[in-house]
PDB file of N, CA and C in Angstrom:
ATOM      1  N   MET A   1       0.968  -1.427   0.179  1.00  0.00           N
ATOM      2  CA  MET A   1       0.133   0.137  -0.112  1.00  0.00           C
ATOM      3  C   MET A   1       0.932   1.388   0.032  1.00  0.00           C
ATOM      4  N   LEU A   2       0.706   2.181  -0.757  1.00  0.00           N
ATOM      5  CA  LEU A   2       1.416   3.616  -0.989  1.00  0.00           C
ATOM      6  C   LEU A   2       1.719   4.177   0.848  1.00  0.00           C
ATOM      7  N   ILE A   3       0.444   4.282   1.354  1.00  0.00           N
ATOM      8  CA  ILE A   3       0.645   4.704   2.350  1.00  0.00           C
ATOM      9  C   ILE A   3       1.598   4.465   3.348  1.00  0.00           C
ATOM     10  N   ARG A   4       1.820   3.177   3.488  1.00  0.00           N
ATOM     11  CA  ARG A   4       2.785   2.529   4.170  1.00  0.00           C
ATOM     12  C   ARG A   4       4.348   3.354   3.877  1.00  0.00           C
ATOM     13  N   HIS A   5       4.693   3.796   2.855  1.00  0.00           N
ATOM     14  CA  HIS A   5       5.958   4.288   2.281  1.00  0.00           C
ATOM     15  C   HIS A   5       5.344   5.954   1.856  1.00  0.00           C
ATOM     16  N   ILE A   6       4.705   6.246   3.044  1.00  0.00           N
ATOM     17  CA  ILE A   6       4.306   7.862   2.540  1.00  0.00           C
ATOM     18  C   ILE A   6       5.839   8.718   2.739  1.00  0.00           C
ATOM     19  N   ASP A   7       7.147   8.044   3.137  1.00  0.00           N
ATOM     20  CA  ASP A   7       8.244   8.714   3.551  1.00  0.00           C
ATOM     21  C   ASP A   7       9.468   8.598   2.187  1.00  0.00           C
ATOM     22  N   LEU A   8       9.140   7.339   1.714  1.00  0.00           N
ATOM     23  CA  LEU A   8       9.744   7.164   0.628  1.00  0.00           C
ATOM     24  C   LEU A   8       9.213   7.779  -0.878  1.00  0.00           C
ATOM     25  N   LEU A   9       7.828   8.184  -0.517  1.00  0.00           N
ATOM     26  CA  LEU A   9       7.030   8.783  -1.893  1.00  0.00           C
ATOM     27  C   LEU A   9       7.400  10.018  -1.818  1.00  0.00           C
ATOM     28  N   HIS A  10       7.516  11.021  -0.242  1.00  0.00           N
ATOM     29  CA  HIS A  10       8.268  12.193  -0.296  1.00  0.00           C
ATOM     30  C   HIS A  10       9.284  12.513  -1.013  1.00  0.00           C
ATOM     31  N   GLN A  11      10.189  11.682  -0.665  1.00  0.00           N
ATOM     32  CA  GLN A  11      12.036  11.706  -0.832  1.00  0.00           C
ATOM     33  C   GLN A  11      11.499  11.859  -2.452  1.00  0.00           C
ATOM     34  N   VAL A  12      10.991  10.577  -3.130  1.00  0.00           N
ATOM     35  CA  VAL A  12      11.343  10.300  -4.524  1.00  0.00           C
ATOM     36  C   VAL A  12      10.764  11.399  -5.275  1.00  0.00           C
ATOM     37  N   VAL A  13       9.113  11.795  -4.585  1.00  0.00           N
ATOM     38  CA  VAL A  13       8.867  13.638  -5.247  1.00  0.00           C
ATOM     39  C   VAL A  13       9.680  14.521  -4.875  1.00  0.00           C
ATOM     40  N   SER A  14      10.832  14.739  -4.203  1.00  0.00           N
ATOM     41  CA  SER A  14      11.636  15.718  -3.589  1.00  0.00           C
ATOM     42  C   SER A  14      12.783  15.492  -5.146  1.00  0.00           C
ATOM     43  N   SER A  15      12.892  14.575  -4.978  1.00  0.00           N
ATOM     44  CA  SER A  15      14.230  14.276  -6.050  1.00  0.00           C
ATOM     45  C   SER A  15      14.017  14.425  -7.466  1.00  0.00           C
ATOM     46  N   VAL A  16      12.895  14.255  -8.079  1.00  0.00           N
ATOM     47  CA  VAL A  16      12.107  14.707  -9.312  1.00  0.00           C
ATOM     48  C   VAL A  16      12.107  16.133  -9.411  1.00  0.00           C
ATOM     49  N   LYS A  17      11.596  16.763  -8.626  1.00  0.00           N
ATOM     50  CA  LYS A  17      10.966  18.057  -8.479  1.00  0.00           C
ATOM     51  C   LYS A  17      12.553  18.811  -8.656  1.00  0.00           C
ATOM     52  N   GLN A  18      14.200  18.185  -8.223  1.00  0.00           N
ATOM     53  CA  GLN A  18      14.651  19.032  -8.335  1.00  0.00           C
ATOM     54  C   GLN A  18      15.552  18.895  -9.631  1.00  0.00           C
ATOM     55  N   ARG A  19      15.320  17.709 -10.243  1.00  0.00           N
ATOM     56  CA  ARG A  19      15.861  17.718 -11.872  1.00  0.00           C
ATOM     57  C   ARG A  19      14.354  17.253 -12.720  1.00  0.00           C
ATOM     58  N   HIS A  20      13.325  17.922 -12.382  1.00  0.00           N
ATOM     59  CA  HIS A  20      12.760  18.461 -13.308  1.00  0.00           C
ATOM     60  C   HIS A  20      11.305  19.604 -12.451  1.00  0.00           C
ATOM     61  N   LEU A  21      11.875  20.568 -13.112  1.00  0.00           N
ATOM     62  CA  LEU A  21      10.412  21.782 -12.407  1.00  0.00           C
ATOM     63  C   LEU A  21       8.962  21.443 -12.007  1.00  0.00           C
ATOM     64  N   PHE A  22       8.524  21.986 -11.288  1.00  0.00           N
ATOM     65  CA  PHE A  22       7.064  21.679 -11.370  1.00  0.00           C
ATOM     66  C   PHE A  22       6.808  22.003  -9.651  1.00  0.00           C
ATOM     67  N   ILE A  23       5.387  22.385  -9.830  1.00  0.00           N
ATOM     68  CA  ILE A  23       4.887  22.751  -8.315  1.00  0.00           C
ATOM     69  C   ILE A  23       3.812  22.031  -8.657  1.00  0.00           C
ATOM     70  N   ILE A  24       3.483  21.684  -7.467  1.00  0.00           N
ATOM     71  CA  ILE A  24       2.138  20.372  -6.478  1.00  0.00           C
ATOM     72  C   ILE A  24       1.386  21.383  -6.148  1.00  0.00           C
ATOM     73  N   HIS A  25       0.346  22.067  -6.508  1.00  0.00           N
ATOM     74  CA  HIS A  25      -1.220  22.519  -6.176  1.00  0.00           C
ATOM     75  C   HIS A  25      -1.659  21.729  -5.180  1.00  0.00           C
ATOM     76  N   GLY A  26      -1.497  20.262  -5.514  1.00  0.00           N
ATOM     77  CA  GLY A  26      -2.808  19.395  -4.449  1.00  0.00           C
ATOM     78  C   GLY A  26      -2.353  17.986  -4.898  1.00  0.00           C
ATOM     79  N   TRP A  27      -2.892  17.635  -3.952  1.00  0.00           N
ATOM     80  CA  TRP A  27      -2.375  15.981  -4.238  1.00  0.00           C
ATOM     81  C   TRP A  27      -3.231  15.183  -3.219  1.00  0.00           C
ATOM     82  N   ALA A  28      -3.646  13.867  -3.354  1.00  0.00           N
ATOM     83  CA  ALA A  28      -4.189  12.954  -2.424  1.00  0.00           C
ATOM     84  C   ALA A  28      -3.733  11.793  -2.601  1.00  0.00           C
ATOM     85  N   VAL A  29      -2.924  11.097  -1.788  1.00  0.00           N
ATOM     86  CA  VAL A  29      -2.766   9.996  -1.723  1.00  0.00           C
ATOM     87  C   VAL A  29      -3.676   8.735  -0.837  1.00  0.00           C
ATOM     88  N   LEU A  30      -3.930   7.877  -1.772  1.00  0.00           N
ATOM     89  CA  LEU A  30      -4.707   6.690  -2.094  1.00  0.00           C
ATOM     90  C   LEU A  30      -3.689   5.572  -1.175  1.00  0.00           C
ATOM     91  N   PRO A  31      -4.983   4.702  -0.894  1.00  0.00           N
ATOM     92  CA  PRO A  31      -3.841   3.261  -0.224  1.00  0.00           C
ATOM     93  C   PRO A  31      -3.151   2.777  -1.445  1.00  0.00           C
ATOM     94  N   ASP A  32      -3.724   3.282  -2.652  1.00  0.00           N
ATOM     95  CA  ASP A  32      -2.447   2.347  -3.955  1.00  0.00           C
ATOM     96  C   ASP A  32      -2.470   2.840  -5.184  1.00  0.00           C
ATOM     97  N   HIS A  33      -3.088   3.768  -5.137  1.00  0.00           N
ATOM     98  CA  HIS A  33      -2.909   5.160  -6.024  1.00  0.00           C
ATOM     99  C   HIS A  33      -2.325   6.473  -5.726  1.00  0.00           C
ATOM    100  N   LEU A  34      -2.557   7.735  -6.169  1.00  0.00           N
ATOM    101  CA  LEU A  34      -2.195   9.201  -6.080  1.00  0.00           C
ATOM    102  C   LEU A  34      -2.577  10.193  -7.460  1.00  0.00           C
ATOM    103  N   HIS A  35      -3.143  11.044  -6.796  1.00  0.00           N
ATOM    104  CA  HIS A  35      -3.693  11.894  -7.869  1.00  0.00           C
ATOM    105  C   HIS A  35      -3.100  13.451  -7.420  1.00  0.00           C
ATOM    106  N   ALA A  36      -2.319  13.994  -8.320  1.00  0.00           N
ATOM    107  CA  ALA A  36      -1.825  15.437  -8.257  1.00  0.00           C
ATOM    108  C   ALA A  36      -2.158  16.269  -9.153  1.00  0.00           C
ATOM    109  N   LEU A  37      -2.418  17.605  -8.868  1.00  0.00           N
ATOM    110  CA  LEU A  37      -2.226  18.824  -9.578  1.00  0.00           C
ATOM    111  C   LEU A  37      -1.361  19.289  -9.650  1.00  0.00           C
ATOM    112  N   ILE A  38      -0.686  19.498 -10.736  1.00  0.00           N
ATOM    113  CA  ILE A  38       0.874  20.049 -10.965  1.00  0.00           C
ATOM    114  C   ILE A  38       0.566  21.012 -11.988  1.00  0.00           C
ATOM    115  N   GLU A  39       2.009  22.109 -11.910  1.00  0.00           N
ATOM    116  CA  GLU A  39       1.991  23.194 -13.009  1.00  0.00           C
ATOM    117  C   GLU A  39       3.348  23.325 -13.585  1.00  0.00           C
ATOM    118  N   LEU A  40       3.256  23.089 -14.457  1.00  0.00           N
ATOM    119  CA  LEU A  40       4.843  23.108 -15.254  1.00  0.00           C
ATOM    120  C   LEU A  40       5.287  24.468 -15.332  1.00  0.00           C
ATOM    121  N   PRO A  41       6.717  24.774 -15.789  1.00  0.00           N
ATOM    122  CA  PRO A  41       6.995  26.006 -16.256  1.00  0.00           C
ATOM    123  C   PRO A  41       6.505  26.136 -17.517  1.00  0.00           C
ATOM    124  N   VAL A  42       6.355  27.897 -17.948  1.00  0.00           N
ATOM    125  CA  VAL A  42       5.865  27.807 -19.364  1.00  0.00           C
ATOM    126  C   VAL A  42       6.616  27.014 -20.272  1.00  0.00           C
ATOM    127  N   ASN A  43       5.850  26.953 -21.493  1.00  0.00           N
ATOM    128  CA  ASN A  43       6.511  26.374 -22.771  1.00  0.00           C
ATOM    129  C   ASN A  43       6.614  24.540 -22.224  1.00  0.00           C
ATOM    130  N   ASP A  44       6.751  24.138 -20.947  1.00  0.00           N
ATOM    131  CA  ASP A  44       6.696  22.768 -20.872  1.00  0.00           C
ATOM    132  C   ASP A  44       5.619  22.257 -21.152  1.00  0.00           C
ATOM    133  N   SER A  45       5.282  20.911 -21.765  1.00  0.00           N
ATOM    134  CA  SER A  45       4.098  20.378 -21.405  1.00  0.00           C
ATOM    135  C   SER A  45       4.691  18.949 -21.570  1.00  0.00           C
ATOM    136  N   ASP A  46       5.722  18.396 -20.813  1.00  0.00           N
ATOM    137  CA  ASP A  46       6.211  17.073 -20.716  1.00  0.00           C
ATOM    138  C   ASP A  46       5.469  16.757 -19.387  1.00  0.00           C
ATOM    139  N   TYR A  47       4.519  16.656 -18.994  1.00  0.00           N
ATOM    140  CA  TYR A  47       3.757  16.132 -17.968  1.00  0.00           C
ATOM    141  C   TYR A  47       4.212  14.535 -17.459  1.00  0.00           C
ATOM    142  N   ALA A  48       4.869  13.712 -18.382  1.00  0.00           N
ATOM    143  CA  ALA A  48       5.104  12.212 -18.467  1.00  0.00           C
ATOM    144  C   ALA A  48       6.411  12.549 -17.693  1.00  0.00           C
ATOM    145  N   THR A  49       7.113  13.248 -17.862  1.00  0.00           N
ATOM    146  CA  THR A  49       8.498  12.965 -17.130  1.00  0.00           C
ATOM    147  C   THR A  49       7.997  13.044 -15.689  1.00  0.00           C
ATOM    148  N   ARG A  50       7.314  13.856 -15.116  1.00  0.00           N
ATOM    149  CA  ARG A  50       7.623  14.016 -13.793  1.00  0.00           C
ATOM    150  C   ARG A  50       6.603  13.102 -13.239  1.00  0.00           C
TER     151      ARG A  50
END
């Protein structure tokens, strides 16, 4: 379950944010998946990399 590994999730998201800029406006962490509302820099539409 994802919520059992919330600290690891936080570390991974922080690591990705350092390499690929984006802003998280909100997210919902559910037992087996998550939803996130993110904003990318202007002229960047590569959501898949994040």
